[in-house]
């Protein structure tokens, strides 16, 4: 793996007004904070911790390799 990788952060407000942050390419990396700025910082920290955990186990983290596509979902009852 290279020294850096660019991933997609998805920020979603929750029902309490906090911001959930998750990596689109690595959905196991997810966090929640009162603001988007705090959620971003926590998401970066969580990603670094996950990478360190994988490397401590002698494995490469499962980042990337997927794809993104739009899905249309009917909201009709």
N, C-alpha and C. Protein backbone atom coordinates (compact mmCIF):
# COMPACT_ATOMS: atom_id res chain seq x y z
N UNK A 1 0.85 -1.17 0.00
CA UNK A 1 0.00 0.00 0.00
C UNK A 1 0.89 1.24 0.00
N UNK A 2 0.48 2.28 -0.70
CA UNK A 2 1.27 3.50 -0.76
C UNK A 2 1.20 4.25 0.57
N UNK A 3 1.92 5.36 0.63
CA UNK A 3 1.97 6.15 1.87
C UNK A 3 0.69 6.90 2.15
N UNK A 4 -0.15 7.08 1.15
CA UNK A 4 -1.42 7.77 1.36
C UNK A 4 -2.46 7.24 0.39
N UNK A 5 -3.70 7.46 0.74
CA UNK A 5 -4.82 7.05 -0.10
C UNK A 5 -5.93 8.09 0.11
N UNK A 6 -6.66 8.40 -0.93
CA UNK A 6 -7.78 9.32 -0.83
C UNK A 6 -9.06 8.51 -0.77
N UNK A 7 -9.84 8.73 0.28
CA UNK A 7 -11.09 8.01 0.47
C UNK A 7 -12.25 9.00 0.53
N UNK A 8 -13.45 8.49 0.45
CA UNK A 8 -14.65 9.32 0.45
C UNK A 8 -15.32 9.29 1.81
N UNK A 9 -15.38 10.45 2.46
CA UNK A 9 -16.06 10.57 3.75
C UNK A 9 -17.51 10.96 3.49
N UNK A 10 -18.43 10.24 4.11
CA UNK A 10 -19.86 10.52 3.99
C UNK A 10 -20.34 11.04 5.34
N UNK A 11 -20.92 12.24 5.34
CA UNK A 11 -21.41 12.88 6.56
C UNK A 11 -22.93 12.92 6.53
N UNK A 12 -23.56 12.37 7.57
CA UNK A 12 -25.01 12.30 7.63
C UNK A 12 -25.48 12.78 9.00
N UNK A 13 -26.43 13.73 9.04
CA UNK A 13 -26.95 14.14 10.34
C UNK A 13 -27.80 13.03 10.94
N UNK A 14 -27.68 12.83 12.27
CA UNK A 14 -28.53 11.83 12.90
C UNK A 14 -29.74 12.51 13.53
N UNK A 15 -30.60 11.71 14.15
CA UNK A 15 -31.86 12.23 14.69
C UNK A 15 -31.67 13.18 15.87
N UNK A 16 -30.47 13.21 16.46
CA UNK A 16 -30.20 14.09 17.60
C UNK A 16 -29.42 15.34 17.20
N UNK A 17 -29.21 15.53 15.90
CA UNK A 17 -28.49 16.70 15.43
C UNK A 17 -26.99 16.52 15.34
N UNK A 18 -26.49 15.35 15.70
CA UNK A 18 -25.07 15.07 15.58
C UNK A 18 -24.76 14.69 14.13
N UNK A 19 -23.49 14.55 13.81
CA UNK A 19 -23.07 14.17 12.47
C UNK A 19 -22.39 12.81 12.52
N UNK A 20 -22.94 11.87 11.74
CA UNK A 20 -22.30 10.57 11.58
C UNK A 20 -21.34 10.68 10.40
N UNK A 21 -20.14 10.14 10.56
CA UNK A 21 -19.15 10.15 9.48
C UNK A 21 -18.70 8.71 9.23
N UNK A 22 -18.61 8.36 7.95
CA UNK A 22 -18.26 6.99 7.58
C UNK A 22 -17.46 7.05 6.28
N UNK A 23 -16.53 6.12 6.13
CA UNK A 23 -15.78 6.02 4.88
C UNK A 23 -16.56 5.15 3.90
N UNK A 24 -16.84 5.68 2.73
CA UNK A 24 -17.60 4.94 1.72
C UNK A 24 -16.87 3.67 1.29
N UNK A 25 -15.56 3.76 1.14
CA UNK A 25 -14.76 2.63 0.67
C UNK A 25 -14.44 1.63 1.78
N UNK A 26 -14.64 2.02 3.03
CA UNK A 26 -14.33 1.17 4.17
C UNK A 26 -15.39 1.42 5.24
N UNK A 27 -16.61 0.89 5.05
CA UNK A 27 -17.75 1.21 5.92
C UNK A 27 -17.57 0.85 7.39
N UNK A 28 -16.62 -0.01 7.71
CA UNK A 28 -16.39 -0.36 9.12
C UNK A 28 -15.81 0.83 9.89
N UNK A 29 -15.28 1.82 9.18
CA UNK A 29 -14.75 3.01 9.83
C UNK A 29 -15.87 4.04 9.89
N UNK A 30 -16.44 4.18 11.08
CA UNK A 30 -17.61 5.06 11.26
C UNK A 30 -17.53 5.69 12.65
N UNK A 31 -18.00 6.92 12.76
CA UNK A 31 -18.00 7.62 14.04
C UNK A 31 -19.13 8.64 14.05
N UNK A 32 -19.34 9.29 15.18
CA UNK A 32 -20.39 10.29 15.30
C UNK A 32 -19.92 11.37 16.28
N UNK A 33 -20.23 12.63 15.96
CA UNK A 33 -19.80 13.74 16.80
C UNK A 33 -20.81 14.89 16.69
N UNK A 34 -20.72 15.86 17.60
CA UNK A 34 -21.67 16.97 17.57
C UNK A 34 -21.58 17.84 16.31
N UNK A 35 -20.39 17.95 15.70
CA UNK A 35 -20.22 18.78 14.50
C UNK A 35 -19.51 17.99 13.41
N UNK A 36 -19.63 18.47 12.17
CA UNK A 36 -18.95 17.83 11.05
C UNK A 36 -17.44 17.90 11.22
N UNK A 37 -16.94 19.02 11.74
CA UNK A 37 -15.49 19.16 11.94
C UNK A 37 -14.97 18.12 12.94
N UNK A 38 -15.69 17.95 14.04
CA UNK A 38 -15.29 16.94 15.03
C UNK A 38 -15.42 15.53 14.47
N UNK A 39 -16.48 15.29 13.70
CA UNK A 39 -16.68 13.97 13.09
C UNK A 39 -15.56 13.67 12.11
N UNK A 40 -15.12 14.68 11.34
CA UNK A 40 -14.01 14.49 10.39
C UNK A 40 -12.73 14.11 11.12
N UNK A 41 -12.42 14.84 12.18
CA UNK A 41 -11.20 14.54 12.95
C UNK A 41 -11.27 13.14 13.55
N UNK A 42 -12.43 12.78 14.09
CA UNK A 42 -12.59 11.45 14.69
C UNK A 42 -12.52 10.36 13.63
N UNK A 43 -13.06 10.63 12.43
CA UNK A 43 -13.02 9.65 11.35
C UNK A 43 -11.58 9.40 10.92
N UNK A 44 -10.78 10.45 10.79
CA UNK A 44 -9.37 10.28 10.45
C UNK A 44 -8.66 9.47 11.51
N UNK A 45 -8.93 9.76 12.77
CA UNK A 45 -8.32 9.01 13.87
C UNK A 45 -8.74 7.54 13.82
N UNK A 46 -10.02 7.30 13.60
CA UNK A 46 -10.53 5.92 13.54
C UNK A 46 -9.88 5.16 12.39
N UNK A 47 -9.72 5.81 11.24
CA UNK A 47 -9.09 5.16 10.09
C UNK A 47 -7.63 4.82 10.39
N UNK A 48 -6.93 5.75 11.01
CA UNK A 48 -5.52 5.48 11.38
C UNK A 48 -5.42 4.32 12.37
N UNK A 49 -6.33 4.27 13.33
CA UNK A 49 -6.33 3.18 14.31
C UNK A 49 -6.63 1.84 13.65
N UNK A 50 -7.58 1.82 12.71
CA UNK A 50 -7.91 0.58 12.00
C UNK A 50 -6.73 0.11 11.18
N UNK A 51 -6.06 1.04 10.49
CA UNK A 51 -4.89 0.68 9.69
C UNK A 51 -3.80 0.10 10.59
N UNK A 52 -3.56 0.75 11.71
CA UNK A 52 -2.54 0.26 12.66
C UNK A 52 -2.90 -1.14 13.17
N UNK A 53 -4.17 -1.36 13.46
CA UNK A 53 -4.62 -2.66 13.95
C UNK A 53 -4.36 -3.76 12.91
N UNK A 54 -4.72 -3.48 11.66
CA UNK A 54 -4.48 -4.45 10.60
C UNK A 54 -2.99 -4.73 10.45
N UNK A 55 -2.20 -3.69 10.46
CA UNK A 55 -0.75 -3.87 10.28
C UNK A 55 -0.13 -4.60 11.45
N UNK A 56 -0.64 -4.36 12.67
CA UNK A 56 -0.15 -5.10 13.84
C UNK A 56 -0.39 -6.59 13.68
N UNK A 57 -1.45 -6.94 12.96
CA UNK A 57 -1.78 -8.34 12.70
C UNK A 57 -1.08 -8.88 11.46
N UNK A 58 -0.26 -8.04 10.82
CA UNK A 58 0.46 -8.47 9.63
C UNK A 58 -0.38 -8.50 8.38
N UNK A 59 -1.48 -7.77 8.39
CA UNK A 59 -2.38 -7.75 7.22
C UNK A 59 -2.46 -6.34 6.66
N UNK A 60 -2.78 -6.25 5.37
CA UNK A 60 -3.05 -4.96 4.76
C UNK A 60 -4.53 -4.64 4.96
N UNK A 61 -4.86 -3.39 5.27
CA UNK A 61 -6.27 -3.04 5.47
C UNK A 61 -7.07 -3.17 4.18
N UNK A 62 -8.32 -3.62 4.28
CA UNK A 62 -9.15 -3.82 3.09
C UNK A 62 -9.76 -2.52 2.58
N UNK A 63 -8.91 -1.67 2.05
CA UNK A 63 -9.36 -0.36 1.55
C UNK A 63 -9.44 -0.42 0.04
N UNK A 64 -10.56 0.05 -0.49
CA UNK A 64 -10.71 0.12 -1.94
C UNK A 64 -11.14 -1.21 -2.53
N UNK A 65 -11.06 -1.26 -3.85
CA UNK A 65 -11.41 -2.48 -4.54
C UNK A 65 -12.89 -2.62 -4.83
N UNK A 66 -13.71 -1.74 -4.27
CA UNK A 66 -15.14 -1.80 -4.51
C UNK A 66 -15.54 -0.85 -5.63
N UNK A 67 -16.82 -0.66 -5.76
CA UNK A 67 -17.31 0.30 -6.75
C UNK A 67 -18.53 1.03 -6.18
N UNK A 68 -18.87 2.14 -6.82
CA UNK A 68 -20.00 2.95 -6.41
C UNK A 68 -20.99 2.98 -7.56
N UNK A 69 -22.26 2.84 -7.23
CA UNK A 69 -23.29 2.96 -8.25
C UNK A 69 -24.54 3.57 -7.64
N UNK A 70 -25.31 4.24 -8.47
CA UNK A 70 -26.57 4.83 -8.01
C UNK A 70 -27.66 3.77 -8.07
N UNK A 71 -28.50 3.74 -7.04
CA UNK A 71 -29.65 2.85 -7.00
C UNK A 71 -30.91 3.68 -6.87
N UNK A 72 -31.94 3.34 -7.61
CA UNK A 72 -33.22 4.01 -7.51
C UNK A 72 -34.15 3.15 -6.70
N UNK A 73 -34.70 3.74 -5.64
CA UNK A 73 -35.58 3.01 -4.74
C UNK A 73 -36.94 3.69 -4.73
N UNK A 74 -37.99 2.95 -4.96
CA UNK A 74 -39.34 3.50 -4.93
C UNK A 74 -39.76 3.79 -3.49
N UNK A 75 -40.29 4.96 -3.26
CA UNK A 75 -40.79 5.33 -1.94
C UNK A 75 -42.29 5.11 -1.81
N UNK A 76 -42.91 4.61 -2.86
CA UNK A 76 -44.35 4.34 -2.84
C UNK A 76 -44.66 3.21 -1.90
N UNK A 77 -45.79 3.31 -1.25
CA UNK A 77 -46.19 2.27 -0.29
C UNK A 77 -46.69 1.03 -0.99
